[in-house]
Amino acid sequence: PNINHTVEAFKKLDFLIVQDIFMTETARLAD
């Protein structure tokens, strides 16, 4: 819920790994 809040939280992470079978909106934020 509240996508803007979710994106803001992800961007505050020092490091993000995403494992997935497709390039998703979340994966685009990953290091």
ModelCIF file with pLDDT and N, C-alpha, C, O atoms, coordinates in Angstrom:
data_MODEL
#
_entry.id   MODEL 
#
_entity.id                         1 
_entity.type                       polymer 
_entity.pdbx_number_of_molecules   1 
#
_entity_poly.entity_id                      1 
_entity_poly.type                           'polypeptide(L)' 
_entity_poly.nstd_linkage                   no 
_entity_poly.nstd_monomer                   no 
_entity_poly.pdbx_seq_one_letter_code       PNINHTVEAFKKLDFLIVQDIFMTETARLAD 
_entity_poly.pdbx_seq_one_letter_code_can   PNINHTVEAFKKLDFLIVQDIFMTETARLAD 
_entity_poly.pdbx_strand_id                 A 
#
loop_
_entity_poly_seq.entity_id 
_entity_poly_seq.num 
_entity_poly_seq.mon_id 
_entity_poly_seq.hetero 
1 1  PRO n 
1 2  ASN n 
1 3  ILE n 
1 4  ASN n 
1 5  HIS n 
1 6  THR n 
1 7  VAL n 
1 8  GLU n 
1 9  ALA n 
1 10 PHE n 
1 11 LYS n 
1 12 LYS n 
1 13 LEU n 
1 14 ASP n 
1 15 PHE n 
1 16 LEU n 
1 17 ILE n 
1 18 VAL n 
1 19 GLN n 
1 20 ASP n 
1 21 ILE n 
1 22 PHE n 
1 23 MET n 
1 24 THR n 
1 25 GLU n 
1 26 THR n 
1 27 ALA n 
1 28 ARG n 
1 29 LEU n 
1 30 ALA n 
1 31 ASP n 
#
_struct_asym.id          A 
_struct_asym.entity_id   1 
#
loop_
_ma_qa_metric.id 
_ma_qa_metric.mode 
_ma_qa_metric.name 
_ma_qa_metric.software_group_id 
_ma_qa_metric.type 
1 global pLDDT . pLDDT 
2 local  pLDDT . pLDDT 
#
_ma_qa_metric_global.metric_id      1 
_ma_qa_metric_global.metric_value   95.61 
_ma_qa_metric_global.model_id       1 
_ma_qa_metric_global.ordinal_id     1 
#
loop_
_ma_qa_metric_local.label_asym_id 
_ma_qa_metric_local.label_comp_id 
_ma_qa_metric_local.label_seq_id 
_ma_qa_metric_local.metric_id 
_ma_qa_metric_local.metric_value 
_ma_qa_metric_local.model_id 
_ma_qa_metric_local.ordinal_id 
A PRO 1  2 94.00 1 1  
A ASN 2  2 94.00 1 2  
A ILE 3  2 94.00 1 3  
A ASN 4  2 94.00 1 4  
A HIS 5  2 94.00 1 5  
A THR 6  2 94.00 1 6  
A VAL 7  2 96.00 1 7  
A GLU 8  2 96.00 1 8  
A ALA 9  2 96.00 1 9  
A PHE 10 2 96.00 1 10 
A LYS 11 2 96.00 1 11 
A LYS 12 2 97.00 1 12 
A LEU 13 2 97.00 1 13 
A ASP 14 2 97.00 1 14 
A PHE 15 2 97.00 1 15 
A LEU 16 2 97.00 1 16 
A ILE 17 2 96.00 1 17 
A VAL 18 2 96.00 1 18 
A GLN 19 2 96.00 1 19 
A ASP 20 2 95.00 1 20 
A ILE 21 2 95.00 1 21 
A PHE 22 2 94.00 1 22 
A MET 23 2 94.00 1 23 
A THR 24 2 95.00 1 24 
A GLU 25 2 95.00 1 25 
A THR 26 2 96.00 1 26 
A ALA 27 2 96.00 1 27 
A ARG 28 2 96.00 1 28 
A LEU 29 2 97.00 1 29 
A ALA 30 2 97.00 1 30 
A ASP 31 2 97.00 1 31 
#
loop_
_atom_site.group_PDB 
_atom_site.id 
_atom_site.type_symbol 
_atom_site.label_atom_id 
_atom_site.label_alt_id 
_atom_site.label_comp_id 
_atom_site.label_asym_id 
_atom_site.label_entity_id 
_atom_site.label_seq_id 
_atom_site.pdbx_PDB_ins_code 
_atom_site.Cartn_x 
_atom_site.Cartn_y 
_atom_site.Cartn_z 
_atom_site.occupancy 
_atom_site.B_iso_or_equiv 
_atom_site.pdbx_formal_charge 
_atom_site.auth_seq_id 
_atom_site.auth_comp_id 
_atom_site.auth_asym_id 
_atom_site.auth_atom_id 
_atom_site.pdbx_PDB_model_num 
ATOM 1   N N  . PRO A 1 1  ? 0.826  -1.216  0.000   1.00 94.00 ? 1  PRO A N  1 
ATOM 2   C CA . PRO A 1 1  ? 0.000  0.000   0.000   1.00 94.00 ? 1  PRO A CA 1 
ATOM 3   C C  . PRO A 1 1  ? 0.855  1.259   0.000   1.00 94.00 ? 1  PRO A C  1 
ATOM 4   O O  . PRO A 1 1  ? 1.977  1.266   0.508   1.00 94.00 ? 1  PRO A O  1 
ATOM 5   N N  . ASN A 1 2  ? 0.307  2.324   -0.579  1.00 94.00 ? 2  ASN A N  1 
ATOM 6   C CA . ASN A 1 2  ? 0.983  3.621   -0.623  1.00 94.00 ? 2  ASN A CA 1 
ATOM 7   C C  . ASN A 1 2  ? 2.344  3.484   -1.300  1.00 94.00 ? 2  ASN A C  1 
ATOM 8   O O  . ASN A 1 2  ? 3.388  3.539   -0.650  1.00 94.00 ? 2  ASN A O  1 
ATOM 9   N N  . ILE A 1 3  ? 2.307  3.304   -2.623  1.00 94.00 ? 3  ILE A N  1 
ATOM 10  C CA . ILE A 1 3  ? 3.510  3.022   -3.408  1.00 94.00 ? 3  ILE A CA 1 
ATOM 11  C C  . ILE A 1 3  ? 4.602  4.061   -3.183  1.00 94.00 ? 3  ILE A C  1 
ATOM 12  O O  . ILE A 1 3  ? 5.775  3.703   -3.081  1.00 94.00 ? 3  ILE A O  1 
ATOM 13  N N  . ASN A 1 4  ? 4.248  5.317   -3.105  1.00 94.00 ? 4  ASN A N  1 
ATOM 14  C CA . ASN A 1 4  ? 5.267  6.360   -2.921  1.00 94.00 ? 4  ASN A CA 1 
ATOM 15  C C  . ASN A 1 4  ? 6.052  6.134   -1.631  1.00 94.00 ? 4  ASN A C  1 
ATOM 16  O O  . ASN A 1 4  ? 7.265  6.338   -1.587  1.00 94.00 ? 4  ASN A O  1 
ATOM 17  N N  . HIS A 1 5  ? 5.349  5.711   -0.586  1.00 94.00 ? 5  HIS A N  1 
ATOM 18  C CA . HIS A 1 5  ? 6.006  5.407   0.683   1.00 94.00 ? 5  HIS A CA 1 
ATOM 19  C C  . HIS A 1 5  ? 6.926  4.201   0.530   1.00 94.00 ? 5  HIS A C  1 
ATOM 20  O O  . HIS A 1 5  ? 8.029  4.193   1.076   1.00 94.00 ? 5  HIS A O  1 
ATOM 21  N N  . THR A 1 6  ? 6.481  3.174   -0.211  1.00 94.00 ? 6  THR A N  1 
ATOM 22  C CA . THR A 1 6  ? 7.287  1.973   -0.419  1.00 94.00 ? 6  THR A CA 1 
ATOM 23  C C  . THR A 1 6  ? 8.574  2.295   -1.167  1.00 94.00 ? 6  THR A C  1 
ATOM 24  O O  . THR A 1 6  ? 9.655  1.859   -0.771  1.00 94.00 ? 6  THR A O  1 
ATOM 25  N N  . VAL A 1 7  ? 8.454  3.060   -2.250  1.00 96.00 ? 7  VAL A N  1 
ATOM 26  C CA . VAL A 1 7  ? 9.632  3.428   -3.038  1.00 96.00 ? 7  VAL A CA 1 
ATOM 27  C C  . VAL A 1 7  ? 10.606 4.246   -2.196  1.00 96.00 ? 7  VAL A C  1 
ATOM 28  O O  . VAL A 1 7  ? 11.818 4.036   -2.259  1.00 96.00 ? 7  VAL A O  1 
ATOM 29  N N  . GLU A 1 8  ? 10.078 5.168   -1.417  1.00 96.00 ? 8  GLU A N  1 
ATOM 30  C CA . GLU A 1 8  ? 10.925 5.993   -0.557  1.00 96.00 ? 8  GLU A CA 1 
ATOM 31  C C  . GLU A 1 8  ? 11.694 5.126   0.444   1.00 96.00 ? 8  GLU A C  1 
ATOM 32  O O  . GLU A 1 8  ? 12.871 5.367   0.708   1.00 96.00 ? 8  GLU A O  1 
ATOM 33  N N  . ALA A 1 9  ? 11.020 4.119   0.994   1.00 96.00 ? 9  ALA A N  1 
ATOM 34  C CA . ALA A 1 9  ? 11.667 3.222   1.958   1.00 96.00 ? 9  ALA A CA 1 
ATOM 35  C C  . ALA A 1 9  ? 12.781 2.418   1.294   1.00 96.00 ? 9  ALA A C  1 
ATOM 36  O O  . ALA A 1 9  ? 13.860 2.272   1.866   1.00 96.00 ? 9  ALA A O  1 
ATOM 37  N N  . PHE A 1 10 ? 12.532 1.896   0.094   1.00 96.00 ? 10 PHE A N  1 
ATOM 38  C CA . PHE A 1 10 ? 13.564 1.150   -0.627  1.00 96.00 ? 10 PHE A CA 1 
ATOM 39  C C  . PHE A 1 10 ? 14.777 2.030   -0.923  1.00 96.00 ? 10 PHE A C  1 
ATOM 40  O O  . PHE A 1 10 ? 15.919 1.587   -0.799  1.00 96.00 ? 10 PHE A O  1 
ATOM 41  N N  . LYS A 1 11 ? 14.528 3.258   -1.306  1.00 96.00 ? 11 LYS A N  1 
ATOM 42  C CA . LYS A 1 11 ? 15.635 4.155   -1.657  1.00 96.00 ? 11 LYS A CA 1 
ATOM 43  C C  . LYS A 1 11 ? 16.485 4.533   -0.449  1.00 96.00 ? 11 LYS A C  1 
ATOM 44  O O  . LYS A 1 11 ? 17.619 4.984   -0.612  1.00 96.00 ? 11 LYS A O  1 
ATOM 45  N N  . LYS A 1 12 ? 15.958 4.356   0.754   1.00 97.00 ? 12 LYS A N  1 
ATOM 46  C CA . LYS A 1 12 ? 16.733 4.652   1.959   1.00 97.00 ? 12 LYS A CA 1 
ATOM 47  C C  . LYS A 1 12 ? 17.661 3.509   2.356   1.00 97.00 ? 12 LYS A C  1 
ATOM 48  O O  . LYS A 1 12 ? 18.525 3.677   3.217   1.00 97.00 ? 12 LYS A O  1 
ATOM 49  N N  . LEU A 1 13 ? 17.484 2.350   1.731   1.00 97.00 ? 13 LEU A N  1 
ATOM 50  C CA . LEU A 1 13 ? 18.339 1.216   2.072   1.00 97.00 ? 13 LEU A CA 1 
ATOM 51  C C  . LEU A 1 13 ? 19.776 1.475   1.615   1.00 97.00 ? 13 LEU A C  1 
ATOM 52  O O  . LEU A 1 13 ? 20.003 2.099   0.579   1.00 97.00 ? 13 LEU A O  1 
ATOM 53  N N  . ASP A 1 14 ? 20.736 0.992   2.395   1.00 97.00 ? 14 ASP A N  1 
ATOM 54  C CA . ASP A 1 14 ? 22.135 1.094   1.984   1.00 97.00 ? 14 ASP A CA 1 
ATOM 55  C C  . ASP A 1 14 ? 22.425 0.158   0.817   1.00 97.00 ? 14 ASP A C  1 
ATOM 56  O O  . ASP A 1 14 ? 23.266 0.453   -0.032  1.00 97.00 ? 14 ASP A O  1 
ATOM 57  N N  . PHE A 1 15 ? 21.722 -0.976  0.782   1.00 97.00 ? 15 PHE A N  1 
ATOM 58  C CA . PHE A 1 15 ? 22.035 -1.990  -0.238  1.00 97.00 ? 15 PHE A CA 1 
ATOM 59  C C  . PHE A 1 15 ? 20.814 -2.877  -0.432  1.00 97.00 ? 15 PHE A C  1 
ATOM 60  O O  . PHE A 1 15 ? 20.223 -3.344  0.542   1.00 97.00 ? 15 PHE A O  1 
ATOM 61  N N  . LEU A 1 16 ? 20.436 -3.109  -1.672  1.00 97.00 ? 16 LEU A N  1 
ATOM 62  C CA . LEU A 1 16 ? 19.249 -3.917  -1.983  1.00 97.00 ? 16 LEU A CA 1 
ATOM 63  C C  . LEU A 1 16 ? 19.576 -4.938  -3.059  1.00 97.00 ? 16 LEU A C  1 
ATOM 64  O O  . LEU A 1 16 ? 20.062 -4.592  -4.136  1.00 97.00 ? 16 LEU A O  1 
ATOM 65  N N  . ILE A 1 17 ? 19.304 -6.200  -2.755  1.00 96.00 ? 17 ILE A N  1 
ATOM 66  C CA . ILE A 1 17 ? 19.417 -7.284  -3.735  1.00 96.00 ? 17 ILE A CA 1 
ATOM 67  C C  . ILE A 1 17 ? 18.014 -7.800  -4.024  1.00 96.00 ? 17 ILE A C  1 
ATOM 68  O O  . ILE A 1 17 ? 17.235 -8.044  -3.102  1.00 96.00 ? 17 ILE A O  1 
ATOM 69  N N  . VAL A 1 18 ? 17.695 -7.964  -5.291  1.00 96.00 ? 18 VAL A N  1 
ATOM 70  C CA . VAL A 1 18 ? 16.415 -8.557  -5.694  1.00 96.00 ? 18 VAL A CA 1 
ATOM 71  C C  . VAL A 1 18 ? 16.704 -9.779  -6.556  1.00 96.00 ? 18 VAL A C  1 
ATOM 72  O O  . VAL A 1 18 ? 17.470 -9.707  -7.517  1.00 96.00 ? 18 VAL A O  1 
ATOM 73  N N  . GLN A 1 19 ? 16.089 -10.893 -6.204  1.00 96.00 ? 19 GLN A N  1 
ATOM 74  C CA . GLN A 1 19 ? 16.184 -12.111 -7.007  1.00 96.00 ? 19 GLN A CA 1 
ATOM 75  C C  . GLN A 1 19 ? 14.819 -12.378 -7.623  1.00 96.00 ? 19 GLN A C  1 
ATOM 76  O O  . GLN A 1 19 ? 13.831 -12.525 -6.904  1.00 96.00 ? 19 GLN A O  1 
ATOM 77  N N  . ASP A 1 20 ? 14.756 -12.442 -8.946  1.00 95.00 ? 20 ASP A N  1 
ATOM 78  C CA . ASP A 1 20 ? 13.465 -12.617 -9.610  1.00 95.00 ? 20 ASP A CA 1 
ATOM 79  C C  . ASP A 1 20 ? 13.684 -13.209 -10.994 1.00 95.00 ? 20 ASP A C  1 
ATOM 80  O O  . ASP A 1 20 ? 14.807 -13.253 -11.496 1.00 95.00 ? 20 ASP A O  1 
ATOM 81  N N  . ILE A 1 21 ? 12.590 -13.665 -11.602 1.00 95.00 ? 21 ILE A N  1 
ATOM 82  C CA . ILE A 1 21 ? 12.690 -14.231 -12.948 1.00 95.00 ? 21 ILE A CA 1 
ATOM 83  C C  . ILE A 1 21 ? 12.458 -13.184 -14.030 1.00 95.00 ? 21 ILE A C  1 
ATOM 84  O O  . ILE A 1 21 ? 12.755 -13.421 -15.201 1.00 95.00 ? 21 ILE A O  1 
ATOM 85  N N  . PHE A 1 22 ? 11.920 -12.010 -13.637 1.00 94.00 ? 22 PHE A N  1 
ATOM 86  C CA . PHE A 1 22 ? 11.706 -10.910 -14.580 1.00 94.00 ? 22 PHE A CA 1 
ATOM 87  C C  . PHE A 1 22 ? 12.178 -9.602  -13.956 1.00 94.00 ? 22 PHE A C  1 
ATOM 88  O O  . PHE A 1 22 ? 12.310 -9.485  -12.738 1.00 94.00 ? 22 PHE A O  1 
ATOM 89  N N  . MET A 1 23 ? 12.427 -8.626  -14.821 1.00 94.00 ? 23 MET A N  1 
ATOM 90  C CA . MET A 1 23 ? 12.722 -7.281  -14.348 1.00 94.00 ? 23 MET A CA 1 
ATOM 91  C C  . MET A 1 23 ? 11.414 -6.636  -13.891 1.00 94.00 ? 23 MET A C  1 
ATOM 92  O O  . MET A 1 23 ? 10.531 -6.356  -14.702 1.00 94.00 ? 23 MET A O  1 
ATOM 93  N N  . THR A 1 24 ? 11.302 -6.408  -12.598 1.00 95.00 ? 24 THR A N  1 
ATOM 94  C CA . THR A 1 24 ? 10.094 -5.826  -12.030 1.00 95.00 ? 24 THR A CA 1 
ATOM 95  C C  . THR A 1 24 ? 10.367 -4.392  -11.585 1.00 95.00 ? 24 THR A C  1 
ATOM 96  O O  . THR A 1 24 ? 11.503 -3.920  -11.624 1.00 95.00 ? 24 THR A O  1 
ATOM 97  N N  . GLU A 1 25 ? 9.313  -3.716  -11.166 1.00 95.00 ? 25 GLU A N  1 
ATOM 98  C CA . GLU A 1 25 ? 9.463  -2.351  -10.654 1.00 95.00 ? 25 GLU A CA 1 
ATOM 99  C C  . GLU A 1 25 ? 10.358 -2.331  -9.412  1.00 95.00 ? 25 GLU A C  1 
ATOM 100 O O  . GLU A 1 25 ? 11.112 -1.381  -9.202  1.00 95.00 ? 25 GLU A O  1 
ATOM 101 N N  . THR A 1 26 ? 10.273 -3.372  -8.599  1.00 96.00 ? 26 THR A N  1 
ATOM 102 C CA . THR A 1 26 ? 11.142 -3.467  -7.425  1.00 96.00 ? 26 THR A CA 1 
ATOM 103 C C  . THR A 1 26 ? 12.580 -3.740  -7.829  1.00 96.00 ? 26 THR A C  1 
ATOM 104 O O  . THR A 1 26 ? 13.506 -3.155  -7.267  1.00 96.00 ? 26 THR A O  1 
ATOM 105 N N  . ALA A 1 27 ? 12.774 -4.628  -8.806  1.00 96.00 ? 27 ALA A N  1 
ATOM 106 C CA . ALA A 1 27 ? 14.130 -4.960  -9.250  1.00 96.00 ? 27 ALA A CA 1 
ATOM 107 C C  . ALA A 1 27 ? 14.858 -3.735  -9.807  1.00 96.00 ? 27 ALA A C  1 
ATOM 108 O O  . ALA A 1 27 ? 16.078 -3.628  -9.688  1.00 96.00 ? 27 ALA A O  1 
ATOM 109 N N  . ARG A 1 28 ? 14.115 -2.822  -10.407 1.00 96.00 ? 28 ARG A N  1 
ATOM 110 C CA . ARG A 1 28 ? 14.745 -1.628  -10.977 1.00 96.00 ? 28 ARG A CA 1 
ATOM 111 C C  . ARG A 1 28 ? 15.382 -0.745  -9.901  1.00 96.00 ? 28 ARG A C  1 
ATOM 112 O O  . ARG A 1 28 ? 16.228 0.094   -10.212 1.00 96.00 ? 28 ARG A O  1 
ATOM 113 N N  . LEU A 1 29 ? 14.990 -0.925  -8.659  1.00 97.00 ? 29 LEU A N  1 
ATOM 114 C CA . LEU A 1 29 ? 15.564 -0.146  -7.562  1.00 97.00 ? 29 LEU A CA 1 
ATOM 115 C C  . LEU A 1 29 ? 16.772 -0.833  -6.934  1.00 97.00 ? 29 LEU A C  1 
ATOM 116 O O  . LEU A 1 29 ? 17.412 -0.267  -6.049  1.00 97.00 ? 29 LEU A O  1 
ATOM 117 N N  . ALA A 1 30 ? 17.087 -2.040  -7.380  1.00 97.00 ? 30 ALA A N  1 
ATOM 118 C CA . ALA A 1 30 ? 18.104 -2.855  -6.713  1.00 97.00 ? 30 ALA A CA 1 
ATOM 119 C C  . ALA A 1 30 ? 19.518 -2.440  -7.103  1.00 97.00 ? 30 ALA A C  1 
ATOM 120 O O  . ALA A 1 30 ? 19.760 -1.957  -8.209  1.00 97.00 ? 30 ALA A O  1 
ATOM 121 N N  . ASP A 1 31 ? 20.447 -2.640  -6.165  1.00 97.00 ? 31 ASP A N  1 
ATOM 122 C CA . ASP A 1 31 ? 21.869 -2.483  -6.458  1.00 97.00 ? 31 ASP A CA 1 
ATOM 123 C C  . ASP A 1 31 ? 22.385 -3.688  -7.240  1.00 97.00 ? 31 ASP A C  1 
ATOM 124 O O  . ASP A 1 31 ? 23.566 -3.742  -7.582  1.00 97.00 ? 31 ASP A O  1 
#
